[in-house]
Amino acid sequence: MGHLVTIVLATVGAVLGCVDTYVLLQGRRVRLRVVPKSAVRDTGGVWSNSMRHMPGGAPCIEVVNLSAFPVTICEVGYELPSPMRATIIEPTLLDSKRWPRRLEPREAVTVYGDSAALPPNIGRAFARTDCGVIRFGGSPALDDLKRRLRGRT
């Protein structure tokens, strides 16, 4: 009976050690949520939607820092056929902060662009950090925007 208790406790200790290592490694990873949206500016504020591209709306990309540490976002835009990207060079920001943007944990920034400047063959939205980590995102609003851009040509 004593050997069985020892084996059970050793197994529990080994599993908890593996879980702890996994959690530690995940905490050191850059985690970003990249959400392409459509936005309309109005006197009452900005109305955005990630489910569809709104008529008269401008494309925008929201980047949320889900990491446990601050990261600096230096580039956002859309994928093009490899290896090119359509980068928003001078992003429009509605707050008074400057670009590139340092995001604290759980902080977000939304970058606004112009659909007239986008090529018809865009892919997923992306965000790149100063340390070179790139994360991608998609949404129904981006799919709708891509259909509208292809119909424009």
Protein backbone atom coordinates (compact mmCIF):
# COMPACT_ATOMS: atom_id res chain seq x y z
CA MET A 1 0.00 0.00 0.00
CA GLY A 2 2.85 2.40 0.80
CA HIS A 3 4.38 1.88 -2.65
CA LEU A 4 1.07 2.78 -4.30
CA VAL A 5 0.88 6.08 -2.40
CA THR A 6 4.48 6.86 -3.37
CA ILE A 7 3.78 6.16 -7.06
CA VAL A 8 0.62 8.29 -7.04
CA LEU A 9 2.37 11.23 -5.34
CA ALA A 10 5.36 10.96 -7.71
CA THR A 11 3.03 10.97 -10.71
CA VAL A 12 1.13 13.99 -9.42
CA GLY A 13 4.45 15.80 -8.80
CA ALA A 14 5.69 15.01 -12.32
CA VAL A 15 2.44 16.22 -13.92
CA LEU A 16 2.43 19.43 -11.87
CA GLY A 17 6.07 20.04 -12.83
CA CYS A 18 5.20 19.71 -16.54
CA VAL A 19 2.20 22.03 -16.17
CA ASP A 20 4.31 24.60 -14.31
CA THR A 21 6.98 24.51 -17.04
CA TYR A 22 4.32 24.97 -19.75
CA VAL A 23 2.76 27.94 -17.93
CA LEU A 24 6.18 29.53 -17.43
CA LEU A 25 7.08 29.19 -21.11
CA GLN A 26 3.69 30.56 -22.23
CA GLY A 27 4.16 33.62 -20.00
CA ARG A 28 7.34 34.57 -21.86
CA ARG A 29 5.77 34.42 -25.32
CA VAL A 30 4.61 37.47 -27.30
CA ARG A 31 0.85 37.16 -27.59
CA LEU A 32 -1.08 39.58 -29.77
CA ARG A 33 -4.67 39.58 -31.00
CA VAL A 34 -4.95 41.16 -34.46
CA VAL A 35 -8.53 41.98 -35.49
CA PRO A 36 -9.29 43.61 -38.85
CA LYS A 37 -12.40 45.77 -38.64
CA SER A 38 -14.42 48.37 -40.51
CA ALA A 39 -14.87 51.78 -38.90
CA VAL A 40 -17.00 54.85 -39.50
CA ARG A 41 -16.06 58.12 -37.85
CA ASP A 42 -18.98 60.19 -36.64
CA THR A 43 -19.49 63.17 -34.37
CA GLY A 44 -20.49 60.73 -31.63
CA GLY A 45 -17.26 58.76 -31.93
CA VAL A 46 -16.01 55.85 -33.97
CA TRP A 47 -18.27 52.94 -34.81
CA SER A 48 -16.41 49.75 -35.65
CA ASN A 49 -17.52 46.30 -36.68
CA SER A 50 -15.50 43.12 -37.11
CA MET A 51 -18.42 41.15 -38.58
CA ARG A 52 -18.93 43.09 -41.82
CA HIS A 53 -17.42 45.96 -43.79
CA MET A 54 -19.76 48.90 -43.24
CA PRO A 55 -20.81 51.11 -46.17
CA GLY A 56 -18.58 54.18 -46.21
CA GLY A 57 -16.35 52.55 -43.64
CA ALA A 58 -12.58 52.65 -43.54
CA PRO A 59 -10.55 49.53 -42.88
CA CYS A 60 -8.84 49.42 -39.50
CA ILE A 61 -6.75 46.93 -37.57
CA GLU A 62 -7.00 46.55 -33.81
CA VAL A 63 -3.97 45.08 -32.03
CA VAL A 64 -4.32 43.91 -28.43
CA ASN A 65 -1.30 42.96 -26.32
CA LEU A 66 -2.21 39.72 -24.52
CA SER A 67 1.37 39.21 -23.26
CA ALA A 68 2.35 39.55 -19.62
CA PHE A 69 4.87 42.26 -20.56
CA PRO A 70 4.91 45.41 -22.72
CA VAL A 71 5.58 45.14 -26.47
CA THR A 72 6.15 47.80 -29.14
CA ILE A 73 4.11 47.53 -32.32
CA CYS A 74 6.06 49.04 -35.21
CA GLU A 75 4.21 47.81 -38.31
CA VAL A 76 0.65 46.87 -39.23
CA GLY A 77 -0.96 46.08 -42.55
CA TYR A 78 -2.12 43.25 -44.78
CA GLU A 79 -0.44 40.25 -46.34
CA LEU A 80 0.04 40.19 -50.09
CA PRO A 81 1.16 37.24 -52.20
CA SER A 82 4.42 36.08 -50.64
CA PRO A 83 6.83 37.65 -49.67
CA MET A 84 5.24 41.11 -49.93
CA ARG A 85 3.09 43.02 -47.45
CA ALA A 86 0.90 46.11 -47.72
CA THR A 87 2.06 48.14 -44.73
CA ILE A 88 0.18 51.16 -43.42
CA ILE A 89 3.15 53.54 -43.53
CA GLU A 90 1.68 56.53 -41.69
CA PRO A 91 -1.17 55.08 -39.66
CA THR A 92 -4.06 57.25 -38.62
CA LEU A 93 -4.51 57.11 -34.85
CA LEU A 94 -7.38 58.80 -33.05
CA ASP A 95 -5.57 59.33 -29.77
CA SER A 96 -2.69 61.73 -29.20
CA LYS A 97 -0.06 59.01 -28.76
CA ARG A 98 2.68 58.54 -31.32
CA TRP A 99 3.70 55.67 -33.61
CA PRO A 100 5.36 53.14 -33.15
CA ARG A 101 3.22 52.26 -30.15
CA ARG A 102 4.33 50.64 -26.92
CA LEU A 103 1.47 48.57 -25.58
CA GLU A 104 1.30 47.61 -21.94
CA PRO A 105 -0.32 44.25 -21.06
CA ARG A 106 -4.02 44.21 -22.07
CA GLU A 107 -3.66 47.55 -23.87
CA ALA A 108 -4.87 47.98 -27.47
CA VAL A 109 -4.31 50.29 -30.40
CA THR A 110 -6.45 50.69 -33.51
CA VAL A 111 -4.80 51.77 -36.75
CA TYR A 112 -7.02 53.27 -39.44
CA GLY A 113 -6.27 53.12 -43.15
CA ASP A 114 -7.78 54.02 -46.50
CA SER A 115 -9.42 51.34 -48.65
CA ALA A 116 -8.61 53.30 -51.82
CA ALA A 117 -4.90 52.73 -51.16
CA LEU A 118 -5.28 48.94 -50.75
CA PRO A 119 -4.52 46.55 -53.59
CA PRO A 120 -7.26 44.02 -54.46
CA ASN A 121 -5.21 40.97 -53.49
CA ILE A 122 -4.79 41.55 -49.74
CA GLY A 123 -4.71 38.62 -47.35
CA ARG A 124 -4.72 38.42 -43.56
CA ALA A 125 -4.04 41.45 -41.38
CA PHE A 126 -0.74 41.44 -39.49
CA ALA A 127 1.09 43.27 -36.72
CA ARG A 128 4.88 43.20 -36.24
CA THR A 129 6.72 44.03 -33.04
CA ASP A 130 10.11 45.74 -32.71
CA CYS A 131 11.66 42.37 -31.90
CA GLY A 132 10.42 40.94 -35.22
CA VAL A 133 7.49 38.82 -34.00
CA ILE A 134 4.62 38.84 -36.52
CA ARG A 135 1.07 37.83 -35.66
CA PHE A 136 -1.84 37.52 -38.08
CA GLY A 137 -5.59 37.85 -37.83
CA GLY A 138 -8.73 37.66 -39.90
CA SER A 139 -12.40 38.47 -39.53
CA PRO A 140 -15.66 38.47 -41.51
CA ALA A 141 -15.19 42.23 -42.03
CA LEU A 142 -11.85 41.55 -43.74
CA ASP A 143 -13.43 38.87 -45.95
CA ASP A 144 -16.14 41.37 -46.93
CA LEU A 145 -13.50 44.05 -47.65
CA LYS A 146 -11.55 41.62 -49.86
CA ARG A 147 -14.71 40.85 -51.88
CA ARG A 148 -15.35 44.59 -52.34
CA LEU A 149 -11.75 45.25 -53.39
CA ARG A 150 -11.84 42.45 -55.98
CA GLY A 151 -15.11 43.84 -57.35
CA ARG A 152 -13.52 47.30 -57.67
CA THR A 153 -11.07 46.20 -60.37
